[in-house]
Amino acid sequence: MDQRHFQLFARGFDLGLKAFALVTIVISLMVGYALLFLNGEVTFSFTAPVFSLFRSYETPSTQLVSNMSAIVGFCSALIDSFLLFRGSQVCARISQGQTPFTTENYRVIKQIAIILLIVSLVEPLVYSLLVTIGMEKGYYIVFGLGYQTFMGILVYLIAEIIHYGSLESGVNE
């Protein structure tokens, strides 16, 4: 792929990430609206981590699980849209002819990776805490590793490759 095609590809990816981020914001606002005004007419579900490291709970009510899933999903969608916008900034710089191997791109991609890792570890704990607080008796704890954990590790690896490339090419901004 020559440089011109790569820039066009980066521009398309930039626009796609921004569009997806906007859709994510709209969906999160719809979830917030449903949670506040539809009062149980819509149900939501929380996807537990793929590899559960710890799972112990009493069975909470379906409505409580739905409400807490909506709250966590709303926050998660807002964080995801932020990450998509940050990723689109990298693509925008590349589409303008900058090399991918810059210190700024490294910082942005590393920030995305760290946020993905933090969210993947904190999200199930926050969900568990909210469900436990809402229960009349008992507790609900789920903790493990999900796809975000592995994506965070992969994105962090990509950030380090970009950092290495920026050092090798002598491009430091």
N, C-alpha and C. Protein backbone atom coordinates (compact mmCIF):
# COMPACT_ATOMS: atom_id res chain seq x y z
N MET A 1 0.86 -1.17 0.00
CA MET A 1 0.00 0.00 0.00
C MET A 1 0.91 1.23 0.00
N ASP A 2 0.69 2.11 -0.96
CA ASP A 2 1.51 3.31 -1.00
C ASP A 2 0.98 4.35 0.01
N GLN A 3 1.74 5.44 0.15
CA GLN A 3 1.42 6.43 1.18
C GLN A 3 0.05 7.06 0.95
N ARG A 4 -0.30 7.34 -0.28
CA ARG A 4 -1.59 7.99 -0.58
C ARG A 4 -2.76 7.07 -0.19
N HIS A 5 -2.66 5.80 -0.53
CA HIS A 5 -3.72 4.86 -0.16
C HIS A 5 -3.79 4.69 1.36
N PHE A 6 -2.63 4.69 2.00
CA PHE A 6 -2.59 4.57 3.45
C PHE A 6 -3.27 5.76 4.12
N GLN A 7 -3.02 6.96 3.57
CA GLN A 7 -3.66 8.17 4.11
C GLN A 7 -5.17 8.13 3.90
N LEU A 8 -5.61 7.66 2.74
CA LEU A 8 -7.06 7.53 2.50
C LEU A 8 -7.69 6.50 3.43
N PHE A 9 -6.98 5.40 3.63
CA PHE A 9 -7.45 4.37 4.56
C PHE A 9 -7.56 4.96 5.97
N ALA A 10 -6.54 5.71 6.39
CA ALA A 10 -6.55 6.32 7.72
C ALA A 10 -7.69 7.34 7.85
N ARG A 11 -7.96 8.08 6.78
CA ARG A 11 -9.06 9.06 6.80
C ARG A 11 -10.41 8.34 6.94
N GLY A 12 -10.59 7.27 6.21
CA GLY A 12 -11.82 6.49 6.32
C GLY A 12 -11.98 5.90 7.71
N PHE A 13 -10.90 5.41 8.26
CA PHE A 13 -10.94 4.85 9.61
C PHE A 13 -11.22 5.94 10.63
N ASP A 14 -10.64 7.12 10.43
CA ASP A 14 -10.89 8.28 11.30
C ASP A 14 -12.38 8.61 11.32
N LEU A 15 -12.98 8.72 10.15
CA LEU A 15 -14.40 9.05 10.06
C LEU A 15 -15.27 7.93 10.64
N GLY A 16 -14.88 6.67 10.38
CA GLY A 16 -15.62 5.53 10.92
C GLY A 16 -15.60 5.50 12.44
N LEU A 17 -14.43 5.76 13.03
CA LEU A 17 -14.33 5.78 14.50
C LEU A 17 -15.16 6.90 15.10
N LYS A 18 -15.13 8.07 14.46
CA LYS A 18 -15.94 9.20 14.95
C LYS A 18 -17.43 8.88 14.85
N ALA A 19 -17.85 8.28 13.74
CA ALA A 19 -19.26 7.92 13.57
C ALA A 19 -19.67 6.89 14.62
N PHE A 20 -18.83 5.89 14.83
CA PHE A 20 -19.12 4.87 15.82
C PHE A 20 -19.18 5.46 17.22
N ALA A 21 -18.31 6.43 17.50
CA ALA A 21 -18.32 7.11 18.80
C ALA A 21 -19.63 7.87 19.00
N LEU A 22 -20.10 8.54 17.96
CA LEU A 22 -21.37 9.27 18.06
C LEU A 22 -22.54 8.32 18.26
N VAL A 23 -22.53 7.20 17.55
CA VAL A 23 -23.59 6.20 17.73
C VAL A 23 -23.56 5.67 19.16
N THR A 24 -22.38 5.45 19.70
CA THR A 24 -22.24 4.97 21.07
C THR A 24 -22.80 5.98 22.07
N ILE A 25 -22.55 7.26 21.83
CA ILE A 25 -23.10 8.30 22.71
C ILE A 25 -24.63 8.30 22.62
N VAL A 26 -25.17 8.21 21.42
CA VAL A 26 -26.63 8.18 21.25
C VAL A 26 -27.23 6.98 21.98
N ILE A 27 -26.61 5.82 21.83
CA ILE A 27 -27.12 4.62 22.50
C ILE A 27 -27.04 4.78 24.02
N SER A 28 -25.95 5.37 24.51
CA SER A 28 -25.83 5.55 25.97
C SER A 28 -26.90 6.52 26.47
N LEU A 29 -27.21 7.54 25.69
CA LEU A 29 -28.28 8.46 26.09
C LEU A 29 -29.64 7.76 26.08
N MET A 30 -29.85 6.87 25.12
CA MET A 30 -31.09 6.11 25.10
C MET A 30 -31.20 5.19 26.31
N VAL A 31 -30.07 4.58 26.70
CA VAL A 31 -30.06 3.73 27.89
C VAL A 31 -30.36 4.57 29.13
N GLY A 32 -29.75 5.74 29.22
CA GLY A 32 -30.03 6.63 30.34
C GLY A 32 -31.49 7.04 30.40
N TYR A 33 -32.06 7.36 29.26
CA TYR A 33 -33.47 7.71 29.20
C TYR A 33 -34.34 6.54 29.66
N ALA A 34 -34.04 5.35 29.14
CA ALA A 34 -34.82 4.17 29.51
C ALA A 34 -34.73 3.91 31.01
N LEU A 35 -33.55 4.08 31.56
CA LEU A 35 -33.36 3.84 32.99
C LEU A 35 -34.15 4.83 33.83
N LEU A 36 -34.15 6.09 33.41
CA LEU A 36 -34.81 7.13 34.19
C LEU A 36 -36.32 7.19 34.00
N PHE A 37 -36.80 6.96 32.78
CA PHE A 37 -38.20 7.25 32.49
C PHE A 37 -39.07 6.06 32.13
N LEU A 38 -38.49 4.93 31.74
CA LEU A 38 -39.33 3.81 31.32
C LEU A 38 -39.63 2.84 32.44
N ASN A 39 -39.00 2.99 33.57
CA ASN A 39 -39.33 2.30 34.81
C ASN A 39 -39.64 0.80 34.64
N GLY A 40 -38.64 0.08 34.17
CA GLY A 40 -38.79 -1.37 34.11
C GLY A 40 -39.39 -1.91 32.84
N GLU A 41 -39.74 -1.05 31.89
CA GLU A 41 -40.32 -1.53 30.64
C GLU A 41 -39.27 -2.10 29.70
N VAL A 42 -38.01 -1.77 29.95
CA VAL A 42 -36.90 -2.26 29.13
C VAL A 42 -35.91 -2.94 30.06
N THR A 43 -35.37 -4.07 29.63
CA THR A 43 -34.40 -4.76 30.48
C THR A 43 -33.02 -4.75 29.82
N PHE A 44 -32.00 -4.78 30.66
CA PHE A 44 -30.62 -4.78 30.22
C PHE A 44 -29.90 -5.93 30.90
N SER A 45 -28.80 -6.36 30.31
CA SER A 45 -28.03 -7.41 30.96
C SER A 45 -26.54 -7.06 30.92
N PHE A 46 -25.85 -7.44 31.96
CA PHE A 46 -24.42 -7.21 32.08
C PHE A 46 -23.70 -8.48 31.66
N THR A 47 -22.72 -8.36 30.80
CA THR A 47 -21.95 -9.52 30.38
C THR A 47 -20.80 -9.71 31.35
N ALA A 48 -20.84 -10.82 32.05
CA ALA A 48 -19.78 -11.13 33.01
C ALA A 48 -18.48 -11.39 32.27
N PRO A 49 -17.35 -11.22 32.94
CA PRO A 49 -16.06 -11.50 32.30
C PRO A 49 -16.01 -12.91 31.73
N VAL A 50 -15.31 -13.06 30.62
CA VAL A 50 -15.21 -14.34 29.93
C VAL A 50 -14.53 -15.38 30.82
N PHE A 51 -13.44 -15.00 31.43
CA PHE A 51 -12.69 -15.89 32.31
C PHE A 51 -12.91 -15.45 33.75
N SER A 52 -13.91 -16.02 34.40
CA SER A 52 -14.22 -15.63 35.77
C SER A 52 -13.16 -16.16 36.72
N LEU A 53 -12.57 -15.25 37.46
CA LEU A 53 -11.58 -15.63 38.46
C LEU A 53 -12.25 -15.85 39.81
N PHE A 54 -13.37 -15.16 40.03
CA PHE A 54 -14.08 -15.28 41.29
C PHE A 54 -15.54 -14.99 41.03
N ARG A 55 -16.40 -15.87 41.52
CA ARG A 55 -17.84 -15.68 41.32
C ARG A 55 -18.55 -16.26 42.54
N SER A 56 -19.27 -15.41 43.23
CA SER A 56 -20.02 -15.84 44.40
C SER A 56 -21.19 -14.89 44.59
N TYR A 57 -22.39 -15.44 44.67
CA TYR A 57 -23.53 -14.54 44.83
C TYR A 57 -24.81 -15.28 45.21
N GLU A 58 -25.69 -14.49 45.79
CA GLU A 58 -27.10 -14.86 45.94
C GLU A 58 -27.77 -14.37 44.65
N THR A 59 -28.93 -14.86 44.34
CA THR A 59 -29.61 -14.44 43.12
C THR A 59 -30.39 -13.15 43.35
N PRO A 60 -29.96 -12.05 42.71
CA PRO A 60 -30.69 -10.79 42.86
C PRO A 60 -31.93 -10.77 41.96
N SER A 61 -32.79 -9.80 42.19
CA SER A 61 -34.00 -9.69 41.37
C SER A 61 -33.62 -9.30 39.94
N THR A 62 -34.47 -9.69 39.01
CA THR A 62 -34.24 -9.39 37.59
C THR A 62 -34.22 -7.89 37.35
N GLN A 63 -35.12 -7.16 37.99
CA GLN A 63 -35.19 -5.71 37.79
C GLN A 63 -33.94 -5.02 38.33
N LEU A 64 -33.44 -5.48 39.47
CA LEU A 64 -32.21 -4.91 40.03
C LEU A 64 -31.04 -5.15 39.09
N VAL A 65 -30.92 -6.36 38.57
CA VAL A 65 -29.84 -6.68 37.63
C VAL A 65 -29.96 -5.81 36.39
N SER A 66 -31.16 -5.63 35.89
CA SER A 66 -31.38 -4.82 34.70
C SER A 66 -30.98 -3.36 34.94
N ASN A 67 -31.41 -2.81 36.08
CA ASN A 67 -31.09 -1.41 36.39
C ASN A 67 -29.59 -1.20 36.56
N MET A 68 -28.92 -2.08 37.27
CA MET A 68 -27.48 -1.94 37.49
C MET A 68 -26.71 -2.16 36.18
N SER A 69 -27.21 -3.07 35.33
CA SER A 69 -26.59 -3.28 34.02
C SER A 69 -26.70 -2.01 33.18
N ALA A 70 -27.84 -1.33 33.27
CA ALA A 70 -28.03 -0.10 32.51
C ALA A 70 -27.09 0.99 33.01
N ILE A 71 -26.93 1.11 34.32
CA ILE A 71 -26.04 2.13 34.87
C ILE A 71 -24.60 1.87 34.43
N VAL A 72 -24.14 0.64 34.59
CA VAL A 72 -22.77 0.29 34.20
C VAL A 72 -22.60 0.42 32.69
N GLY A 73 -23.60 -0.02 31.93
CA GLY A 73 -23.54 0.09 30.48
C GLY A 73 -23.49 1.53 30.00
N PHE A 74 -24.24 2.40 30.66
CA PHE A 74 -24.24 3.83 30.32
C PHE A 74 -22.83 4.41 30.49
N CYS A 75 -22.23 4.16 31.64
CA CYS A 75 -20.87 4.67 31.92
C CYS A 75 -19.84 4.05 30.97
N SER A 76 -19.98 2.77 30.73
CA SER A 76 -19.05 2.07 29.84
C SER A 76 -19.15 2.61 28.41
N ALA A 77 -20.35 2.89 27.96
CA ALA A 77 -20.53 3.41 26.60
C ALA A 77 -19.91 4.80 26.47
N LEU A 78 -20.02 5.62 27.49
CA LEU A 78 -19.39 6.94 27.44
C LEU A 78 -17.87 6.82 27.39
N ILE A 79 -17.31 5.91 28.17
CA ILE A 79 -15.86 5.68 28.14
C ILE A 79 -15.45 5.15 26.77
N ASP A 80 -16.22 4.22 26.23
CA ASP A 80 -15.91 3.66 24.91
C ASP A 80 -15.92 4.75 23.83
N SER A 81 -16.88 5.66 23.90
CA SER A 81 -16.94 6.73 22.90
C SER A 81 -15.72 7.64 23.03
N PHE A 82 -15.27 7.91 24.25
CA PHE A 82 -14.04 8.69 24.45
C PHE A 82 -12.84 7.98 23.80
N LEU A 83 -12.74 6.68 24.02
CA LEU A 83 -11.63 5.92 23.44
C LEU A 83 -11.69 5.93 21.91
N LEU A 84 -12.87 5.83 21.36
CA LEU A 84 -13.02 5.88 19.90
C LEU A 84 -12.59 7.24 19.35
N PHE A 85 -12.98 8.32 20.04
CA PHE A 85 -12.56 9.66 19.61
C PHE A 85 -11.05 9.80 19.69
N ARG A 86 -10.44 9.30 20.75
CA ARG A 86 -8.98 9.38 20.88
C ARG A 86 -8.30 8.58 19.77
N GLY A 87 -8.82 7.42 19.45
CA GLY A 87 -8.27 6.63 18.36
C GLY A 87 -8.41 7.33 17.02
N SER A 88 -9.51 8.02 16.83
CA SER A 88 -9.72 8.74 15.57
C SER A 88 -8.71 9.88 15.42
N GLN A 89 -8.23 10.43 16.53
CA GLN A 89 -7.22 11.50 16.45
C GLN A 89 -5.91 10.97 15.84
N VAL A 90 -5.55 9.76 16.20
CA VAL A 90 -4.35 9.15 15.62
C VAL A 90 -4.54 8.97 14.12
N CYS A 91 -5.70 8.44 13.74
CA CYS A 91 -5.97 8.25 12.32
C CYS A 91 -6.01 9.58 11.56
N ALA A 92 -6.54 10.62 12.19
CA ALA A 92 -6.59 11.93 11.54
C ALA A 92 -5.19 12.46 11.27
N ARG A 93 -4.28 12.31 12.23
CA ARG A 93 -2.90 12.77 12.03
C ARG A 93 -2.24 12.00 10.88
N ILE A 94 -2.47 10.70 10.85
CA ILE A 94 -1.87 9.88 9.79
C ILE A 94 -2.45 10.28 8.43
N SER A 95 -3.76 10.55 8.38
CA SER A 95 -4.39 10.93 7.11
C SER A 95 -3.90 12.28 6.61
N GLN A 96 -3.34 13.09 7.50
CA GLN A 96 -2.79 14.39 7.11
C GLN A 96 -1.33 14.28 6.68
N GLY A 97 -0.82 13.07 6.62
CA GLY A 97 0.52 12.86 6.12
C GLY A 97 1.59 12.66 7.17
N GLN A 98 1.22 12.71 8.45
CA GLN A 98 2.22 12.46 9.50
C GLN A 98 2.53 10.97 9.58
N THR A 99 3.70 10.67 10.02
CA THR A 99 4.08 9.28 10.21
C THR A 99 3.34 8.72 11.43
N PRO A 100 3.01 7.44 11.42
CA PRO A 100 2.37 6.85 12.59
C PRO A 100 3.31 6.80 13.80
N PHE A 101 4.60 6.83 13.54
CA PHE A 101 5.59 6.63 14.60
C PHE A 101 6.01 7.96 15.23
N THR A 102 5.07 8.54 15.99
CA THR A 102 5.36 9.78 16.71
C THR A 102 5.11 9.58 18.19
N THR A 103 5.72 10.43 18.97
CA THR A 103 5.55 10.36 20.42
C THR A 103 4.09 10.64 20.80
N GLU A 104 3.44 11.55 20.08
CA GLU A 104 2.04 11.87 20.39
C GLU A 104 1.13 10.66 20.14
N ASN A 105 1.33 9.98 19.02
CA ASN A 105 0.54 8.78 18.75
C ASN A 105 0.79 7.72 19.81
N TYR A 106 2.04 7.58 20.20
CA TYR A 106 2.38 6.63 21.28
C TYR A 106 1.61 6.97 22.55
N ARG A 107 1.59 8.24 22.93
CA ARG A 107 0.89 8.64 24.16
C ARG A 107 -0.61 8.34 24.09
N VAL A 108 -1.22 8.67 22.95
CA VAL A 108 -2.66 8.45 22.79
C VAL A 108 -2.98 6.95 22.84
N ILE A 109 -2.23 6.16 22.10
CA ILE A 109 -2.51 4.72 22.06
C ILE A 109 -2.23 4.07 23.41
N LYS A 110 -1.19 4.52 24.10
CA LYS A 110 -0.91 4.00 25.43
C LYS A 110 -2.03 4.38 26.40
N GLN A 111 -2.55 5.60 26.29
CA GLN A 111 -3.68 6.03 27.13
C GLN A 111 -4.90 5.15 26.88
N ILE A 112 -5.18 4.85 25.63
CA ILE A 112 -6.30 3.97 25.29
C ILE A 112 -6.11 2.61 25.94
N ALA A 113 -4.90 2.07 25.84
CA ALA A 113 -4.61 0.74 26.41
C ALA A 113 -4.81 0.74 27.92
N ILE A 114 -4.29 1.75 28.58
CA ILE A 114 -4.40 1.79 30.05
C ILE A 114 -5.85 1.93 30.48
N ILE A 115 -6.62 2.76 29.78
CA ILE A 115 -8.05 2.91 30.12
C ILE A 115 -8.79 1.60 29.89
N LEU A 116 -8.49 0.91 28.79
CA LEU A 116 -9.11 -0.40 28.55
C LEU A 116 -8.81 -1.38 29.68
N LEU A 117 -7.57 -1.41 30.11
CA LEU A 117 -7.18 -2.32 31.20
C LEU A 117 -7.88 -1.96 32.51
N ILE A 118 -7.91 -0.67 32.82
CA ILE A 118 -8.57 -0.24 34.07
C ILE A 118 -10.06 -0.57 34.03
N VAL A 119 -10.71 -0.23 32.92
CA VAL A 119 -12.16 -0.50 32.80
C VAL A 119 -12.44 -1.99 32.90
N SER A 120 -11.59 -2.81 32.27
CA SER A 120 -11.84 -4.26 32.30
C SER A 120 -11.74 -4.83 33.70
N LEU A 121 -10.95 -4.21 34.55
CA LEU A 121 -10.81 -4.70 35.92
C LEU A 121 -11.83 -4.06 36.87
N VAL A 122 -12.15 -2.80 36.65
CA VAL A 122 -13.02 -2.08 37.58
C VAL A 122 -14.50 -2.30 37.28
N GLU A 123 -14.87 -2.42 36.01
CA GLU A 123 -16.28 -2.53 35.63
C GLU A 123 -17.02 -3.68 36.33
N PRO A 124 -16.48 -4.92 36.36
CA PRO A 124 -17.21 -5.98 37.06
C PRO A 124 -17.31 -5.74 38.57
N LEU A 125 -16.29 -5.09 39.13
CA LEU A 125 -16.34 -4.81 40.56
C LEU A 125 -17.39 -3.75 40.89
N VAL A 126 -17.49 -2.72 40.07
CA VAL A 126 -18.51 -1.69 40.28
C VAL A 126 -19.90 -2.29 40.11
N TYR A 127 -20.07 -3.12 39.08
CA TYR A 127 -21.35 -3.78 38.88
C TYR A 127 -21.71 -4.64 40.09
N SER A 128 -20.76 -5.42 40.57
CA SER A 128 -20.99 -6.27 41.74
C SER A 128 -21.37 -5.44 42.96
N LEU A 129 -20.66 -4.33 43.14
CA LEU A 129 -20.95 -3.46 44.28
C LEU A 129 -22.36 -2.87 44.18
N LEU A 130 -22.73 -2.39 43.01
CA LEU A 130 -24.07 -1.80 42.84
C LEU A 130 -25.17 -2.83 43.07
N VAL A 131 -24.99 -4.03 42.54
CA VAL A 131 -26.00 -5.08 42.74
C VAL A 131 -26.08 -5.45 44.21
N THR A 132 -24.93 -5.60 44.87
CA THR A 132 -24.92 -5.95 46.29
C THR A 132 -25.61 -4.89 47.13
N ILE A 133 -25.34 -3.63 46.85
CA ILE A 133 -25.99 -2.54 47.60
C ILE A 133 -27.50 -2.58 47.40
N GLY A 134 -27.94 -2.91 46.19
CA GLY A 134 -29.37 -2.94 45.90
C GLY A 134 -30.11 -4.15 46.43
N MET A 135 -29.38 -5.18 46.81
CA MET A 135 -30.03 -6.41 47.29
C MET A 135 -30.47 -6.23 48.75
N GLU A 136 -31.58 -6.88 49.10
CA GLU A 136 -32.06 -6.82 50.48
C GLU A 136 -31.18 -7.64 51.40
N LYS A 137 -30.70 -8.79 50.93
CA LYS A 137 -29.80 -9.61 51.73
C LYS A 137 -28.86 -10.35 50.78
N GLY A 138 -27.72 -10.74 51.30
CA GLY A 138 -26.75 -11.47 50.50
C GLY A 138 -25.79 -10.53 49.79
N TYR A 139 -25.04 -11.08 48.89
CA TYR A 139 -24.05 -10.32 48.14
C TYR A 139 -23.90 -10.90 46.74
N TYR A 140 -23.30 -10.10 45.87
CA TYR A 140 -23.09 -10.48 44.49
C TYR A 140 -21.69 -10.02 44.10
N ILE A 141 -20.80 -10.94 43.82
CA ILE A 141 -19.43 -10.59 43.43
C ILE A 141 -19.05 -11.40 42.20
N VAL A 142 -18.66 -10.70 41.16
CA VAL A 142 -18.14 -11.34 39.94
C VAL A 142 -16.87 -10.58 39.57
N PHE A 143 -15.80 -11.31 39.36
CA PHE A 143 -14.55 -10.69 38.94
C PHE A 143 -13.82 -11.63 38.00
N GLY A 144 -13.24 -11.08 36.96
CA GLY A 144 -12.50 -11.91 36.02
C GLY A 144 -11.91 -11.08 34.90
N LEU A 145 -11.47 -11.76 33.88
CA LEU A 145 -10.86 -11.12 32.73
C LEU A 145 -11.77 -11.25 31.52
N GLY A 146 -12.02 -10.14 30.86
CA GLY A 146 -12.86 -10.16 29.68
C GLY A 146 -12.09 -9.76 28.44
N TYR A 147 -12.81 -9.57 27.35
CA TYR A 147 -12.16 -9.22 26.10
C TYR A 147 -11.42 -7.89 26.20
N GLN A 148 -11.93 -6.95 27.02
CA GLN A 148 -11.26 -5.65 27.16
C GLN A 148 -9.87 -5.80 27.76
N THR A 149 -9.68 -6.77 28.64
CA THR A 149 -8.36 -6.99 29.23
C THR A 149 -7.37 -7.38 28.14
N PHE A 150 -7.76 -8.32 27.31
CA PHE A 150 -6.87 -8.78 26.26
C PHE A 150 -6.68 -7.72 25.17
N MET A 151 -7.73 -6.96 24.87
CA MET A 151 -7.59 -5.86 23.92
C MET A 151 -6.67 -4.79 24.48
N GLY A 152 -6.79 -4.51 25.77
CA GLY A 152 -5.90 -3.53 26.41
C GLY A 152 -4.45 -3.94 26.32
N ILE A 153 -4.17 -5.22 26.55
CA ILE A 153 -2.80 -5.73 26.45
C ILE A 153 -2.30 -5.62 25.01
N LEU A 154 -3.15 -5.97 24.06
CA LEU A 154 -2.77 -5.89 22.64
C LEU A 154 -2.51 -4.44 22.22
N VAL A 155 -3.38 -3.53 22.62
CA VAL A 155 -3.21 -2.12 22.27
C VAL A 155 -1.96 -1.56 22.94
N TYR A 156 -1.68 -1.99 24.16
CA TYR A 156 -0.46 -1.55 24.84
C TYR A 156 0.78 -2.02 24.07
N LEU A 157 0.74 -3.25 23.58
CA LEU A 157 1.85 -3.78 22.77
C LEU A 157 2.02 -2.93 21.50
N ILE A 158 0.94 -2.58 20.86
CA ILE A 158 0.99 -1.74 19.66
C ILE A 158 1.58 -0.37 20.00
N ALA A 159 1.19 0.18 21.14
CA ALA A 159 1.74 1.48 21.57
C ALA A 159 3.25 1.39 21.74
N GLU A 160 3.72 0.32 22.33
CA GLU A 160 5.16 0.16 22.54
C GLU A 160 5.90 -0.03 21.22
N ILE A 161 5.28 -0.70 20.26
CA ILE A 161 5.88 -0.83 18.92
C ILE A 161 5.99 0.54 18.26
N ILE A 162 4.93 1.35 18.39
CA ILE A 162 4.97 2.71 17.83
C ILE A 162 6.04 3.54 18.53
N HIS A 163 6.17 3.39 19.83
CA HIS A 163 7.21 4.11 20.57
C HIS A 163 8.59 3.70 20.08
N TYR A 164 8.80 2.42 19.91
CA TYR A 164 10.07 1.92 19.40
C TYR A 164 10.35 2.47 18.01
N GLY A 165 9.31 2.48 17.17
CA GLY A 165 9.46 3.01 15.82
C GLY A 165 9.78 4.50 15.82
N SER A 166 9.18 5.24 16.76
CA SER A 166 9.46 6.68 16.82
C SER A 166 10.89 6.93 17.28
N LEU A 167 11.39 6.10 18.17
CA LEU A 167 12.79 6.23 18.62
C LEU A 167 13.75 5.87 17.51
N GLU A 168 13.43 4.81 16.76
CA GLU A 168 14.30 4.36 15.68
C GLU A 168 14.34 5.36 14.52
N SER A 169 13.17 5.96 14.24
CA SER A 169 13.12 6.89 13.10
C SER A 169 13.59 8.29 13.48
N GLY A 170 13.77 8.52 14.79
CA GLY A 170 14.25 9.83 15.25
C GLY A 170 13.17 10.88 15.26
N VAL A 171 11.90 10.47 15.18
CA VAL A 171 10.79 11.42 15.20
C VAL A 171 10.33 11.57 16.64
N ASN A 172 10.67 12.67 17.24
CA ASN A 172 10.22 12.97 18.61
C ASN A 172 9.62 14.35 18.61
N GLU A 173 8.36 14.42 18.96
CA GLU A 173 7.66 15.71 18.96
C GLU A 173 7.52 16.22 20.37
